[in-house]
Amino acid sequence: MTTSALWYLRRLSRMGPAEIAGRAGDAVRRRRWR
């Protein structure tokens, strides 16, 4: 779990706010569909 968390933090720091917003929107869509 810790390793995945660190990897996720690295991706967040590497990606921009637009990328994060896109991922959040995709997650919401999946939740709504299911």
Protein backbone atom coordinates (compact mmCIF):
# COMPACT_ATOMS: atom_id res chain seq x y z
CA MET A 1 0.00 0.00 0.00
CA THR A 2 2.78 2.42 0.92
CA THR A 3 4.62 1.88 -2.37
CA SER A 4 1.45 2.49 -4.41
CA ALA A 5 0.75 5.63 -2.36
CA LEU A 6 4.23 7.00 -3.06
CA TRP A 7 3.86 6.19 -6.76
CA TYR A 8 0.49 7.95 -6.83
CA LEU A 9 1.98 11.02 -5.14
CA ARG A 10 4.76 11.06 -7.74
CA ARG A 11 2.22 10.92 -10.56
CA LEU A 12 0.21 13.76 -8.99
CA SER A 13 3.29 15.94 -8.61
CA ARG A 14 4.33 15.13 -12.18
CA MET A 15 0.88 15.70 -13.69
CA GLY A 16 -0.83 19.08 -13.86
CA PRO A 17 -4.14 20.22 -12.35
CA ALA A 18 -5.94 19.56 -15.64
CA GLU A 19 -4.82 15.92 -15.63
CA ILE A 20 -5.95 15.48 -12.02
CA ALA A 21 -9.36 17.02 -12.83
CA GLY A 22 -9.74 14.68 -15.81
CA ARG A 23 -8.95 11.64 -13.66
CA ALA A 24 -11.43 12.79 -10.98
CA GLY A 25 -14.15 13.23 -13.62
CA ASP A 26 -13.46 9.76 -15.01
CA ALA A 27 -13.77 8.25 -11.51
CA VAL A 28 -17.10 10.04 -10.99
CA ARG A 29 -18.41 8.72 -14.32
CA ARG A 30 -17.49 5.16 -13.38
CA ARG A 31 -19.24 5.53 -10.02
CA ARG A 32 -22.39 6.92 -11.65
CA TRP A 33 -22.51 4.14 -14.23
CA ARG A 34 -22.09 1.47 -11.58
